Amino acid sequence: MQETNVQKLIRFIRKSPTSFHAIDAIKQALKDFTPLQERERWALAPGGKYYVTRNGSSLIAFTLPAGPLSSFQLIASHSDSPTFKIKENAEVIVRDKYVQLDTERYGGMIMSSWFDRPLSVAGRALVRDGQGVRAVLVDLDRDMALIPNVAIHMNRDVNNGYKYNPAVDTFPLWGTQAAKGTFRAQIAQAAGVKEEDLLGADLFLYNRMEGRVWGVGEEFVSAPRLDDLECAFSSVEALLSAQGGDHANVCCVFDNEEVGSTTKQGADSSFLADVLRRILLSLGKTEEDYYTALAGSFMLSADNAHAVHPNHPEYSDGLNQTVMNGGIVIKFNANQKYTTDGVSEAVFHHICEKAQVPVQHYANRSDMPGGGTLGNISGSHVSVNTLDIGLAQLAMHSCYETAGAQDVDYMIAGMKAFYETEIRCAADGRYTLT
């Protein structure tokens, strides 16, 4: 039986416990693309397919037209999700009876969702390599830790708006006193090196519960890290299946969106601008060509959206609310937390209508400000027409989120149609789509 897109998404998420693993999984999917290094000169060829990574946690892949390059059509998503980062000196000894792990929050998670479930540890280790250092992906890949709740008899307020203290309540239990000194040893073993050759690491907890398709009609999918691996997965699938045109198709997966994007590998870095400029320079174009190409370019900023909640529909705007399996969500915000404007909305509507992909519209309730995303951040470095989109989901920033199974197909189809449409800017405010 052929694997469905939602099943492929679940498999991708299972292979992606951290942003480092997500980028590695994407690289595996891009097996027919040529890898590039930022520190080397690029010799690109028309019709070529390439990708480049930064920090091992962000990636930009692109396909070039066979003829002259007119513009870029870009999709941006992110590889990271809220979790707990493990501190350098990890082991906490409790009354000489237990060993915990010292953690700190990464991003704005729903902390209660992390309790009483099997957890493991993954990330990257930096190990000695002769006279140098190399990065190795590590994943303990078994039930290794758990954050236990306090019994209700000792915490009567837990169901009355209890405020968790991340320096006390959320440390995971690693083992009994016999586990003292084992954490670094476990990481070194997973990296395939001696403990003394483990020089550094970026390690995170992750939820071990695998994704599931469920519901009377199998209409829902629940999994860790749907925000935003669902959009990252869809954009890669669309890039792989899209037919080329006169523009370059570009797929960007940035790290650190959940903590503000202000890293060398985030959307607020020079990464995207560097790559686009180097593409044109390698093809013999000039700085002027770079600016004219940007002026005719278009970006989809893809990050999931809030579905109307069945228990609390009052949290949604009365008219601009979205539902799971209702199609691609176009997101709006008057204060530009989302970048959608009339131009980008109209262009994407036209594309989706032609591809018979349903779309719906989202705006926050006017007295409940929401979060931001990649579009306006990357736009401060690469200024192109941008639309914010996503898929409707529940429990955003929980360690186990829920979305519509059918929406995965809609997103891939909509993104593929975007990549295959020639969007030409005839003049400011005038566009042709073929």
Protein backbone atom coordinates (compact mmCIF):
# COMPACT_ATOMS: atom_id res chain seq x y z
CA MET A 1 0.00 0.00 0.00
CA GLN A 2 1.33 3.43 -0.95
CA GLU A 3 2.35 5.60 1.98
CA THR A 4 0.07 8.62 2.41
CA ASN A 5 1.37 12.13 2.96
CA VAL A 6 0.23 12.16 6.59
CA GLN A 7 2.02 8.86 7.21
CA LYS A 8 5.16 10.29 5.62
CA LEU A 9 4.82 13.35 7.88
CA ILE A 10 4.65 11.13 10.99
CA ARG A 11 7.75 9.24 9.85
CA PHE A 12 9.59 12.52 9.20
CA ILE A 13 8.70 13.81 12.67
CA ARG A 14 9.87 10.56 14.26
CA LYS A 15 13.25 11.07 12.57
CA SER A 16 13.39 14.71 13.74
CA PRO A 17 13.54 14.91 17.56
CA THR A 18 15.60 18.13 17.31
CA SER A 19 16.26 20.79 14.68
CA PHE A 20 19.60 19.12 13.90
CA HIS A 21 17.86 15.83 13.15
CA ALA A 22 15.15 17.57 11.09
CA ILE A 23 17.76 19.12 8.82
CA ASP A 24 19.51 15.77 8.50
CA ALA A 25 16.20 14.14 7.50
CA ILE A 26 15.62 16.86 4.90
CA LYS A 27 19.12 16.33 3.50
CA GLN A 28 18.29 12.65 3.06
CA ALA A 29 15.15 13.63 1.12
CA LEU A 30 17.28 15.92 -1.09
CA LYS A 31 19.51 13.06 -2.25
CA ASP A 32 19.45 14.30 -5.85
CA PHE A 33 20.53 17.81 -4.84
CA THR A 34 24.17 18.92 -4.75
CA PRO A 35 25.36 20.04 -1.30
CA LEU A 36 27.19 23.36 -1.08
CA GLN A 37 29.51 24.75 1.58
CA GLU A 38 29.37 28.40 2.59
CA ARG A 39 33.17 28.54 2.91
CA GLU A 40 33.73 27.37 -0.67
CA ARG A 41 33.22 29.12 -3.99
CA TRP A 42 30.01 28.13 -5.75
CA ALA A 43 29.93 27.01 -9.38
CA LEU A 44 26.21 26.77 -10.09
CA ALA A 45 24.72 25.66 -13.39
CA PRO A 46 21.34 26.50 -14.96
CA GLY A 47 18.87 23.71 -14.22
CA GLY A 48 20.85 22.62 -11.16
CA LYS A 49 19.50 21.58 -7.76
CA TYR A 50 21.43 22.54 -4.63
CA TYR A 51 21.24 22.96 -0.87
CA VAL A 52 23.37 24.58 1.82
CA THR A 53 23.16 24.30 5.61
CA ARG A 54 24.21 26.59 8.42
CA ASN A 55 24.92 25.33 11.95
CA GLY A 56 23.49 21.96 10.98
CA SER A 57 20.07 23.25 12.06
CA SER A 58 19.04 25.50 9.14
CA LEU A 59 18.90 24.70 5.45
CA ILE A 60 18.18 26.47 2.17
CA ALA A 61 17.52 24.32 -0.91
CA PHE A 62 16.89 25.65 -4.41
CA THR A 63 16.29 24.63 -7.99
CA LEU A 64 17.49 26.82 -10.82
CA PRO A 65 15.71 27.41 -14.15
CA ALA A 66 17.27 26.05 -17.31
CA GLY A 67 17.25 29.55 -18.80
CA PRO A 68 17.86 33.04 -17.39
CA LEU A 69 16.76 33.49 -13.78
CA SER A 70 14.04 36.14 -13.47
CA SER A 71 13.14 36.00 -9.76
CA PHE A 72 12.85 33.82 -6.66
CA GLN A 73 9.77 32.06 -5.29
CA LEU A 74 10.47 31.17 -1.69
CA ILE A 75 8.84 29.19 1.11
CA ALA A 76 10.16 29.64 4.66
CA SER A 77 9.42 27.49 7.71
CA HIS A 78 11.31 26.57 10.89
CA SER A 79 12.93 23.46 12.32
CA ASP A 80 12.73 24.12 16.07
CA SER A 81 9.94 23.58 18.61
CA PRO A 82 9.53 24.48 22.29
CA THR A 83 11.30 22.03 24.59
CA PHE A 84 13.76 21.83 27.48
CA LYS A 85 17.46 22.32 26.85
CA ILE A 86 19.82 20.37 29.07
CA LYS A 87 22.45 22.48 30.83
CA GLU A 88 26.17 21.82 30.57
CA ASN A 89 26.50 20.45 34.11
CA ALA A 90 23.44 18.28 33.82
CA GLU A 91 23.15 16.00 36.83
CA VAL A 92 21.26 17.12 39.94
CA ILE A 93 21.53 14.85 42.99
CA VAL A 94 18.44 14.83 45.25
CA ARG A 95 19.07 13.75 48.85
CA ASP A 96 21.58 11.23 47.55
CA LYS A 97 18.63 9.12 46.31
CA TYR A 98 17.76 10.37 42.82
CA VAL A 99 19.51 11.86 39.81
CA GLN A 100 17.68 14.57 37.86
CA LEU A 101 18.70 16.60 34.82
CA ASP A 102 19.17 20.37 35.08
CA THR A 103 17.17 21.98 32.30
CA GLU A 104 15.93 25.35 31.09
CA ARG A 105 12.99 26.22 28.88
CA TYR A 106 13.53 26.68 25.16
CA GLY A 107 10.65 28.69 23.72
CA GLY A 108 7.14 29.17 25.06
CA MET A 109 5.86 25.70 25.73
CA ILE A 110 2.76 24.48 27.61
CA MET A 111 4.76 23.11 30.53
CA SER A 112 2.05 20.84 31.95
CA SER A 113 1.98 18.81 28.73
CA TRP A 114 5.51 17.52 29.43
CA PHE A 115 4.62 15.77 32.69
CA ASP A 116 4.23 12.01 33.26
CA ARG A 117 5.26 10.83 29.83
CA PRO A 118 8.38 9.00 28.56
CA LEU A 119 11.11 11.37 27.38
CA SER A 120 14.49 10.95 25.79
CA VAL A 121 17.50 13.10 24.93
CA ALA A 122 18.77 14.10 21.49
CA GLY A 123 20.82 16.81 19.83
CA ARG A 124 24.38 17.13 18.65
CA ALA A 125 27.69 16.36 20.32
CA LEU A 126 30.98 18.04 19.46
CA VAL A 127 33.75 15.48 19.67
CA ARG A 128 37.50 15.38 19.30
CA ASP A 129 38.59 14.54 15.77
CA GLY A 130 42.37 14.34 15.53
CA GLN A 131 43.56 17.92 15.87
CA GLY A 132 40.05 19.30 15.43
CA VAL A 133 36.39 19.00 16.37
CA ARG A 134 33.43 17.53 14.50
CA ALA A 135 29.68 17.50 15.13
CA VAL A 136 27.84 14.20 15.59
CA LEU A 137 24.08 13.71 15.85
CA VAL A 138 23.04 11.88 19.00
CA ASP A 139 19.72 10.35 19.99
CA LEU A 140 19.45 8.08 23.02
CA ASP A 141 16.27 6.79 21.35
CA ARG A 142 14.71 5.03 24.32
CA ASP A 143 12.66 5.97 27.36
CA MET A 144 15.33 7.63 29.53
CA ALA A 145 13.62 10.32 31.62
CA LEU A 146 10.29 11.53 32.95
CA ILE A 147 9.01 14.70 34.64
CA PRO A 148 6.75 13.43 37.47
CA ASN A 149 3.78 15.37 38.76
CA VAL A 150 3.40 15.95 42.48
CA ALA A 151 0.47 13.96 43.87
CA ILE A 152 -2.70 16.02 44.22
CA HIS A 153 -2.66 15.31 47.98
CA MET A 154 0.53 17.40 48.19
CA ASN A 155 -0.44 20.00 45.58
CA ARG A 156 -4.14 20.77 45.96
CA ASP A 157 -3.87 23.77 43.63
CA VAL A 158 -2.69 21.84 40.59
CA ASN A 159 -6.16 22.05 38.98
CA ASN A 160 -6.68 25.68 40.02
CA GLY A 161 -4.19 27.53 37.89
CA TYR A 162 -0.97 26.28 39.46
CA LYS A 163 2.12 28.27 38.41
CA TYR A 164 5.01 25.98 37.55
CA ASN A 165 8.53 27.00 38.54
CA PRO A 166 10.95 25.85 35.80
CA ALA A 167 13.82 25.82 38.31
CA VAL A 168 11.96 23.33 40.53
CA ASP A 169 8.94 21.62 38.97
CA THR A 170 10.17 20.58 35.53
CA PHE A 171 13.46 18.78 36.17
CA PRO A 172 13.20 15.27 34.68
CA LEU A 173 14.05 12.22 36.73
CA TRP A 174 17.05 10.43 35.19
CA GLY A 175 17.62 7.58 37.65
CA THR A 176 18.38 6.43 41.19
CA GLN A 177 21.64 7.23 42.94
CA ALA A 178 23.24 4.42 40.92
CA ALA A 179 22.81 6.63 37.80
CA LYS A 180 25.21 9.27 39.16
CA GLY A 181 27.83 10.14 36.56
CA THR A 182 26.10 8.32 33.71
CA PHE A 183 24.68 11.21 31.68
CA ARG A 184 27.88 12.23 29.86
CA ALA A 185 28.76 8.58 29.45
CA GLN A 186 25.44 7.91 27.71
CA ILE A 187 25.94 10.86 25.36
CA ALA A 188 29.52 9.81 24.56
CA GLN A 189 28.34 6.27 23.83
CA ALA A 190 25.60 7.58 21.50
CA ALA A 191 28.24 9.71 19.73
CA GLY A 192 30.54 6.70 19.38
CA VAL A 193 33.45 8.25 21.29
CA LYS A 194 35.19 7.99 24.64
CA GLU A 195 33.83 10.27 27.34
CA GLU A 196 37.05 12.31 27.42
CA ASP A 197 36.59 13.06 23.71
CA LEU A 198 33.17 14.64 24.27
CA LEU A 199 34.02 18.36 24.13
CA GLY A 200 30.62 20.03 23.92
CA ALA A 201 26.96 19.44 23.14
CA ASP A 202 23.55 20.98 22.37
CA LEU A 203 21.07 18.56 23.93
CA PHE A 204 17.31 18.66 24.38
CA LEU A 205 14.50 16.58 25.86
CA TYR A 206 11.97 15.21 23.42
CA ASN A 207 8.62 13.48 23.70
CA ARG A 208 8.86 9.78 22.84
CA MET A 209 5.17 9.38 21.94
CA GLU A 210 4.90 8.75 18.20
CA GLY A 211 2.40 10.41 15.89
CA ARG A 212 -1.05 8.92 15.37
CA VAL A 213 -3.87 9.32 12.86
CA TRP A 214 -7.16 9.08 14.74
CA GLY A 215 -10.87 9.95 14.78
CA VAL A 216 -14.01 8.22 13.59
CA GLY A 217 -12.99 8.93 10.02
CA GLU A 218 -9.25 9.07 10.73
CA GLU A 219 -9.53 12.79 10.15
CA PHE A 220 -7.01 14.00 12.73
CA VAL A 221 -3.28 13.64 13.25
CA SER A 222 -1.53 14.14 16.59
CA ALA A 223 2.24 14.22 16.98
CA PRO A 224 5.05 16.11 18.64
CA ARG A 225 6.46 19.20 16.90
CA LEU A 226 3.69 19.68 14.31
CA ASP A 227 4.52 23.36 14.75
CA ASP A 228 6.42 23.72 12.49
CA LEU A 229 7.67 20.44 11.09
CA GLU A 230 4.35 20.03 9.28
CA CYS A 231 5.10 23.09 7.15
CA ALA A 232 8.79 22.20 6.76
CA PHE A 233 7.87 18.71 5.54
CA SER A 234 5.23 20.08 3.13
CA SER A 235 7.61 22.64 1.62
CA VAL A 236 10.27 20.01 0.93
CA GLU A 237 7.69 17.67 -0.63
CA ALA A 238 6.47 20.52 -2.84
CA LEU A 239 10.01 21.45 -3.91
CA LEU A 240 10.77 17.86 -4.87
CA SER A 241 7.63 17.47 -6.97
CA ALA A 242 7.36 20.93 -8.60
CA GLN A 243 8.20 21.52 -12.25
CA GLY A 244 10.55 24.43 -12.94
CA GLY A 245 9.91 27.74 -14.68
CA ASP A 246 11.82 30.96 -15.29
CA HIS A 247 12.29 31.57 -11.56
CA ALA A 248 14.32 29.79 -8.90
CA ASN A 249 12.32 27.79 -6.37
CA VAL A 250 13.76 28.20 -2.87
CA CYS A 251 12.91 26.22 0.28
CA CYS A 252 14.16 27.73 3.56
CA VAL A 253 14.03 25.95 6.92
CA PHE A 254 15.37 28.22 9.68
CA ASP A 255 16.23 27.41 13.28
CA ASN A 256 15.45 29.36 16.47
CA GLU A 257 12.09 30.85 15.44
CA GLU A 258 10.69 29.92 18.85
CA VAL A 259 13.25 32.13 20.61
CA GLY A 260 13.23 35.15 18.32
CA SER A 261 15.30 34.10 15.26
CA THR A 262 18.26 36.30 16.29
CA THR A 263 20.98 33.74 15.67
CA LYS A 264 23.38 33.20 12.78
CA GLN A 265 21.07 30.43 11.55
CA GLY A 266 17.77 32.21 12.25
CA ALA A 267 15.45 34.14 9.96
CA ASP A 268 16.88 37.37 11.43
CA SER A 269 20.36 36.50 10.14
CA SER A 270 22.10 37.13 6.82
CA PHE A 271 21.64 33.49 5.74
CA LEU A 272 18.89 33.97 3.17
CA ALA A 273 20.28 37.21 1.74
CA ASP A 274 23.74 35.63 1.49
CA VAL A 275 22.42 32.61 -0.40
CA LEU A 276 20.27 34.57 -2.87
CA ARG A 277 23.08 37.00 -3.64
CA ARG A 278 25.57 34.18 -4.14
CA ILE A 279 23.19 32.36 -6.50
CA LEU A 280 23.12 35.33 -8.84
CA LEU A 281 26.82 36.09 -8.55
CA SER A 282 27.67 32.47 -9.35
CA LEU A 283 25.48 32.70 -12.46
CA GLY A 284 27.44 35.75 -13.64
CA LYS A 285 24.81 38.31 -12.62
CA THR A 286 25.47 41.74 -11.13
CA GLU A 287 24.41 43.48 -7.93
CA GLU A 288 21.78 45.32 -9.96
CA ASP A 289 20.42 41.97 -11.17
CA TYR A 290 20.07 40.91 -7.52
CA TYR A 291 17.84 43.86 -6.71
CA THR A 292 15.70 43.50 -9.84
CA ALA A 293 15.23 39.79 -9.09
CA LEU A 294 14.14 40.55 -5.52
CA ALA A 295 11.66 43.15 -6.75
CA GLY A 296 9.86 40.43 -8.71
CA SER A 297 10.09 37.74 -6.03
CA PHE A 298 7.47 36.29 -3.69
CA MET A 299 7.63 34.41 -0.38
CA LEU A 300 5.30 32.15 1.59
CA SER A 301 6.05 32.31 5.32
CA ALA A 302 4.71 28.94 6.50
CA ASP A 303 4.01 28.42 10.21
CA ASN A 304 0.96 26.74 11.68
CA ALA A 305 -2.18 28.59 12.82
CA HIS A 306 -4.75 28.23 15.59
CA ALA A 307 -7.88 26.19 14.87
CA VAL A 308 -11.06 27.20 16.67
CA HIS A 309 -11.00 25.23 19.91
CA PRO A 310 -14.04 22.96 20.46
CA ASN A 311 -14.10 23.69 24.21
CA HIS A 312 -13.39 27.40 23.85
CA PRO A 313 -14.71 28.76 20.55
CA GLU A 314 -14.96 32.17 22.24
CA TYR A 315 -11.15 32.50 22.03
CA SER A 316 -11.40 32.85 18.24
CA ASP A 317 -12.49 35.82 16.19
CA GLY A 318 -16.15 35.40 15.29
CA LEU A 319 -15.63 35.71 11.53
CA ASN A 320 -11.94 34.97 10.91
CA GLN A 321 -11.62 31.57 12.54
CA THR A 322 -10.23 28.39 11.04
CA VAL A 323 -10.92 24.68 11.35
CA MET A 324 -8.83 21.55 10.90
CA ASN A 325 -9.20 19.99 7.43
CA GLY A 326 -10.53 23.29 6.13
CA GLY A 327 -7.53 23.99 3.91
CA ILE A 328 -4.54 26.31 3.97
CA VAL A 329 -4.84 29.18 6.45
CA ILE A 330 -3.98 32.72 5.32
CA LYS A 331 -3.02 34.75 8.40
CA PHE A 332 -3.67 38.46 8.92
CA ASN A 333 -2.59 41.01 11.51
CA ALA A 334 -3.01 44.78 11.29
CA ASN A 335 0.21 45.36 13.26
CA GLN A 336 2.20 43.16 10.85
CA LYS A 337 2.89 40.24 13.17
CA TYR A 338 1.86 38.50 9.95
CA THR A 339 2.95 39.97 6.63
CA THR A 340 -0.14 39.24 4.54
CA ASP A 341 -1.52 42.24 2.65
CA GLY A 342 -4.03 42.62 -0.15
CA VAL A 343 -1.46 41.94 -2.88
CA SER A 344 -0.04 38.73 -1.41
CA GLU A 345 -3.52 37.50 -0.45
CA ALA A 346 -4.86 38.05 -3.98
CA VAL A 347 -1.90 36.35 -5.65
CA PHE A 348 -2.11 33.27 -3.43
CA HIS A 349 -5.89 33.10 -3.71
CA HIS A 350 -5.53 33.06 -7.49
CA ILE A 351 -2.97 30.23 -7.33
CA CYS A 352 -4.98 28.07 -4.93
CA GLU A 353 -8.23 28.61 -6.78
CA LYS A 354 -6.65 27.39 -10.00
CA ALA A 355 -5.17 24.36 -8.17
CA GLN A 356 -8.52 23.66 -6.43
CA VAL A 357 -6.93 23.94 -3.00
CA PRO A 358 -9.24 25.36 -0.30
CA VAL A 359 -8.09 28.33 1.76
CA GLN A 360 -9.40 29.94 4.94
CA HIS A 361 -8.60 33.13 6.81
CA TYR A 362 -7.30 33.68 10.32
CA ALA A 363 -7.04 36.77 12.50
CA ASN A 364 -6.68 36.96 16.27
CA ARG A 365 -9.54 38.18 18.39
CA SER A 366 -8.97 41.92 18.59
CA ASP A 367 -8.42 41.83 22.36
CA MET A 368 -6.11 38.78 22.28
CA PRO A 369 -2.78 39.52 20.57
CA GLY A 370 -1.07 36.46 19.11
CA GLY A 371 2.53 35.59 18.32
CA GLY A 372 4.66 36.46 15.34
CA THR A 373 6.52 34.28 12.87
CA LEU A 374 9.20 34.23 10.16
CA GLY A 375 7.79 36.48 7.46
CA ASN A 376 8.32 39.95 8.86
CA ILE A 377 11.69 38.92 10.37
CA SER A 378 13.19 37.59 7.13
CA GLY A 379 11.56 40.48 5.26
CA SER A 380 13.77 42.95 7.11
CA HIS A 381 16.76 41.38 5.30
CA VAL A 382 15.19 40.26 2.00
CA SER A 383 12.30 42.56 1.15
CA VAL A 384 9.87 40.71 -1.11
CA ASN A 385 6.10 40.33 -1.30
CA THR A 386 5.25 37.90 1.49
CA LEU A 387 2.18 35.97 2.62
CA ASP A 388 1.83 34.25 6.00
CA ILE A 389 0.18 30.85 5.81
CA GLY A 390 -0.13 27.71 7.95
CA LEU A 391 -2.38 24.81 8.82
CA ALA A 392 -5.01 24.92 11.55
CA GLN A 393 -4.05 23.03 14.70
CA LEU A 394 -4.95 22.63 18.36
CA ALA A 395 -2.68 22.78 21.42
CA MET A 396 0.06 24.82 19.77
CA HIS A 397 3.28 24.57 21.82
CA SER A 398 2.09 21.47 23.64
CA CYS A 399 4.55 18.58 23.45
CA TYR A 400 1.78 16.67 21.57
CA GLU A 401 -0.26 18.72 19.09
CA THR A 402 -3.25 17.98 16.86
CA ALA A 403 -4.08 18.96 13.27
CA GLY A 404 -6.19 17.80 10.33
CA ALA A 405 -4.95 14.79 8.37
CA GLN A 406 -6.39 16.06 5.07
CA ASP A 407 -4.66 19.44 5.45
CA VAL A 408 -1.24 17.90 4.79
CA ASP A 409 -2.36 17.12 1.23
CA TYR A 410 -3.79 20.61 0.82
CA MET A 411 -0.57 22.28 1.93
CA ILE A 412 1.65 20.22 -0.34
CA ALA A 413 -0.67 20.84 -3.30
CA GLY A 414 -0.87 24.59 -2.60
CA MET A 415 2.88 24.95 -2.20
CA LYS A 416 3.53 22.91 -5.36
CA ALA A 417 1.13 25.13 -7.30
CA PHE A 418 2.94 28.19 -5.93
CA TYR A 419 6.30 26.87 -7.07
CA GLU A 420 4.93 26.05 -10.53
CA THR A 421 3.22 29.42 -11.11
CA GLU A 422 5.10 32.20 -12.86
CA ILE A 423 4.40 35.37 -10.85
CA ARG A 424 5.54 38.39 -12.85
CA CYS A 425 5.50 41.90 -11.49
CA ALA A 426 4.68 44.08 -14.47
CA ALA A 427 4.68 47.23 -12.35
CA ASP A 428 4.15 48.13 -8.72
CA GLY A 429 0.65 46.79 -8.03
CA ARG A 430 0.28 44.88 -11.30
CA TYR A 431 0.99 41.13 -11.54
CA THR A 432 0.49 38.39 -14.10
CA LEU A 433 0.23 34.72 -13.11
CA THR A 434 0.75 31.92 -15.62
